[in-house]
Amino acid sequence: MRRSLPIVAFILAIALASPASAEEVADPDDVKGKLDLSLVVANKSDTDAPLRIRIETHENWAASLLSWKGKNRVWILFNVDNDTNIEYVGTITSAKGKLGLNIEGSGSAFETLRVRHPDGHTLKTKIPGDSPPNPEGTVRIAVRSRYKTKTGGCSEGCRDRAPNGGSLAVS
């Protein structure tokens, strides 16, 4: 019995350190271009905690690809109530070498949030807890991308969405 006590304590510590709600969706390699989404992960450690979002693509690319002057974009769609409408849209762009997330909707715009690009295919951001795009309780998100080139297969714009239908519900 004494030997099992440290094991039980360890398992309990791991369980308590895990997010209360972590949702993820994998997206197939189904769209041409560098912004073909591969994975979206969203989690909150509590109902009023910050919403952490990780977005991955199948290909590597430089942060400058999302220049605010260009046509390439990644959007985070926020549904904050139980209907099917998107109340807030966050647009990830790059300016002066830094990525930022600008969220607008429901007649409001918010200060730019930091976005990290820790490797060639990942974006990470955090939405403050108990804010309009991340209210206490459940928020539903989806991610869209558009990759556009001057010529070639993506000259009309290659678009992706994850999940392909519906959204991730994070509490």
Protein backbone atom coordinates (compact mmCIF):
# COMPACT_ATOMS: atom_id res chain seq x y z
CA MET A 1 0.00 0.00 0.00
CA ARG A 2 2.82 2.44 0.86
CA ARG A 3 4.43 1.93 -2.56
CA SER A 4 1.23 2.77 -4.39
CA LEU A 5 0.73 6.08 -2.56
CA PRO A 6 3.50 7.94 -4.48
CA ILE A 7 2.17 6.55 -7.76
CA VAL A 8 -1.37 7.71 -6.96
CA ALA A 9 -0.04 11.15 -5.96
CA PHE A 10 1.92 11.38 -9.23
CA ILE A 11 -1.12 10.44 -11.36
CA LEU A 12 -3.29 12.94 -9.48
CA ALA A 13 -0.71 15.70 -10.01
CA ILE A 14 -0.63 15.00 -13.74
CA ALA A 15 -4.42 15.01 -13.95
CA LEU A 16 -4.67 18.33 -12.13
CA ALA A 17 -2.01 19.90 -14.34
CA SER A 18 -3.84 18.93 -17.53
CA PRO A 19 -6.17 21.44 -19.18
CA ALA A 20 -9.82 21.20 -18.19
CA SER A 21 -10.73 21.14 -21.85
CA ALA A 22 -8.37 20.52 -24.75
CA GLU A 23 -9.85 20.04 -28.18
CA GLU A 24 -8.05 19.33 -31.41
CA VAL A 25 -8.82 18.56 -35.00
CA ALA A 26 -6.46 17.19 -37.63
CA ASP A 27 -6.98 18.37 -41.19
CA PRO A 28 -5.83 16.36 -44.22
CA ASP A 29 -3.19 17.49 -46.71
CA ASP A 30 -5.94 18.52 -49.14
CA VAL A 31 -5.16 22.07 -50.32
CA LYS A 32 -2.31 23.39 -52.44
CA GLY A 33 -0.07 26.03 -50.96
CA LYS A 34 1.90 26.81 -47.84
CA LEU A 35 -1.12 27.57 -45.63
CA ASP A 36 -2.76 24.14 -45.92
CA LEU A 37 -3.92 23.57 -42.34
CA SER A 38 -2.87 20.33 -40.64
CA LEU A 39 -3.87 20.71 -36.96
CA VAL A 40 -5.79 23.06 -34.68
CA VAL A 41 -5.54 22.66 -30.90
CA ALA A 42 -7.43 24.85 -28.41
CA ASN A 43 -7.55 24.60 -24.64
CA LYS A 44 -8.51 26.39 -21.45
CA SER A 45 -7.35 25.34 -17.97
CA ASP A 46 -10.64 26.59 -16.49
CA THR A 47 -13.89 28.09 -17.81
CA ASP A 48 -12.65 31.68 -17.34
CA ALA A 49 -8.98 31.01 -18.22
CA PRO A 50 -7.11 32.24 -21.30
CA LEU A 51 -7.87 30.34 -24.50
CA ARG A 52 -4.64 28.94 -25.96
CA ILE A 53 -4.69 28.19 -29.68
CA ARG A 54 -2.09 26.32 -31.74
CA ILE A 55 -2.42 26.20 -35.52
CA GLU A 56 -0.17 24.01 -37.66
CA THR A 57 0.23 23.79 -41.44
CA HIS A 58 1.57 20.96 -43.59
CA GLU A 59 4.36 23.11 -45.05
CA ASN A 60 6.94 25.50 -43.59
CA TRP A 61 6.78 29.21 -44.33
CA ALA A 62 8.23 32.49 -43.06
CA ALA A 63 6.16 34.83 -40.88
CA SER A 64 6.51 37.51 -43.57
CA LEU A 65 4.17 35.39 -45.74
CA LEU A 66 1.31 36.88 -43.68
CA SER A 67 2.32 40.50 -44.39
CA TRP A 68 -0.57 42.87 -43.71
CA LYS A 69 0.05 44.31 -47.20
CA GLY A 70 -0.42 40.94 -48.91
CA LYS A 71 -3.33 38.61 -49.62
CA ASN A 72 -2.24 35.62 -47.51
CA ARG A 73 -4.19 35.25 -44.29
CA VAL A 74 -5.04 33.01 -41.36
CA TRP A 75 -8.32 33.72 -39.55
CA ILE A 76 -9.69 32.43 -36.26
CA LEU A 77 -13.48 32.37 -36.13
CA PHE A 78 -15.14 32.72 -32.71
CA ASN A 79 -18.69 31.63 -31.89
CA VAL A 80 -19.33 32.67 -28.29
CA ASP A 81 -22.93 31.56 -27.85
CA ASN A 82 -25.01 28.56 -28.77
CA ASP A 83 -26.10 29.69 -32.23
CA THR A 84 -24.34 29.00 -35.54
CA ASN A 85 -23.16 32.58 -36.15
CA ILE A 86 -19.57 33.79 -35.89
CA GLU A 87 -19.48 36.76 -33.51
CA TYR A 88 -15.75 37.60 -33.75
CA VAL A 89 -13.08 37.14 -36.40
CA GLY A 90 -9.38 37.24 -35.58
CA THR A 91 -6.98 37.98 -38.44
CA ILE A 92 -3.33 36.99 -38.13
CA THR A 93 -0.95 39.22 -40.06
CA SER A 94 2.68 40.26 -39.96
CA ALA A 95 3.92 43.85 -39.68
CA LYS A 96 7.53 44.91 -39.21
CA GLY A 97 8.56 41.31 -38.67
CA LYS A 98 6.07 40.63 -35.85
CA LEU A 99 2.92 38.54 -36.04
CA GLY A 100 -0.25 39.79 -34.41
CA LEU A 101 -3.88 38.78 -34.03
CA ASN A 102 -6.50 41.49 -34.54
CA ILE A 103 -9.97 40.52 -33.35
CA GLU A 104 -13.10 42.37 -34.46
CA GLY A 105 -16.80 41.73 -34.25
CA SER A 106 -20.07 42.62 -32.57
CA GLY A 107 -19.23 46.31 -33.12
CA SER A 108 -15.90 46.08 -31.29
CA ALA A 109 -12.20 45.88 -32.09
CA PHE A 110 -9.60 44.81 -29.56
CA GLU A 111 -5.91 45.46 -29.05
CA THR A 112 -3.54 43.35 -31.11
CA LEU A 113 -2.56 40.10 -29.43
CA ARG A 114 0.85 38.47 -29.76
CA VAL A 115 1.23 35.50 -32.10
CA ARG A 116 4.32 33.30 -31.96
CA HIS A 117 5.74 31.34 -34.91
CA PRO A 118 8.10 28.95 -33.05
CA ASP A 119 8.90 26.87 -36.10
CA GLY A 120 8.20 27.02 -39.82
CA HIS A 121 4.68 25.61 -39.64
CA THR A 122 3.17 26.56 -36.25
CA LEU A 123 1.29 29.59 -34.92
CA LYS A 124 0.50 30.03 -31.21
CA THR A 125 -1.62 32.68 -29.54
CA LYS A 126 -3.52 33.26 -26.31
CA ILE A 127 -6.90 35.00 -25.94
CA PRO A 128 -7.40 36.59 -22.49
CA GLY A 129 -9.92 34.87 -20.24
CA ASP A 130 -13.34 36.39 -19.68
CA SER A 131 -12.98 38.65 -22.74
CA PRO A 132 -15.72 39.00 -25.38
CA PRO A 133 -14.11 36.53 -27.86
CA ASN A 134 -13.35 34.16 -24.95
CA PRO A 135 -16.23 34.43 -22.49
CA GLU A 136 -16.54 32.40 -19.34
CA GLY A 137 -17.75 28.96 -20.34
CA THR A 138 -17.70 27.51 -23.82
CA VAL A 139 -16.30 29.15 -26.94
CA ARG A 140 -16.39 27.51 -30.37
CA ILE A 141 -13.59 28.17 -32.83
CA ALA A 142 -12.64 27.31 -36.38
CA VAL A 143 -9.62 28.38 -38.45
CA ARG A 144 -9.52 29.45 -42.08
CA SER A 145 -6.55 30.18 -44.32
CA ARG A 146 -5.95 31.69 -47.75
CA TYR A 147 -2.73 31.35 -49.73
CA LYS A 148 -2.50 33.39 -52.92
CA THR A 149 0.28 33.57 -55.51
CA LYS A 150 0.64 35.77 -58.58
CA THR A 151 0.81 32.75 -60.91
CA GLY A 152 0.36 29.01 -60.72
CA GLY A 153 -2.05 26.78 -58.85
CA CYS A 154 -2.92 29.31 -56.15
CA SER A 155 -3.32 32.41 -58.32
CA GLU A 156 -7.05 32.38 -57.51
CA GLY A 157 -6.31 31.70 -53.85
CA CYS A 158 -6.05 28.32 -52.15
CA ARG A 159 -8.39 28.17 -49.15
CA ASP A 160 -8.65 25.77 -46.22
CA ARG A 161 -10.76 25.44 -43.07
CA ALA A 162 -10.35 23.36 -39.93
CA PRO A 163 -12.53 21.75 -39.00
CA ASN A 164 -13.98 21.46 -42.51
CA GLY A 165 -17.44 21.88 -41.00
CA GLY A 166 -18.60 22.93 -37.57
CA SER A 167 -16.21 24.06 -34.85
CA LEU A 168 -14.15 23.03 -31.83
CA ALA A 169 -16.04 23.56 -28.56
CA VAL A 170 -13.67 24.55 -25.74
CA SER A 171 -14.83 25.07 -22.14
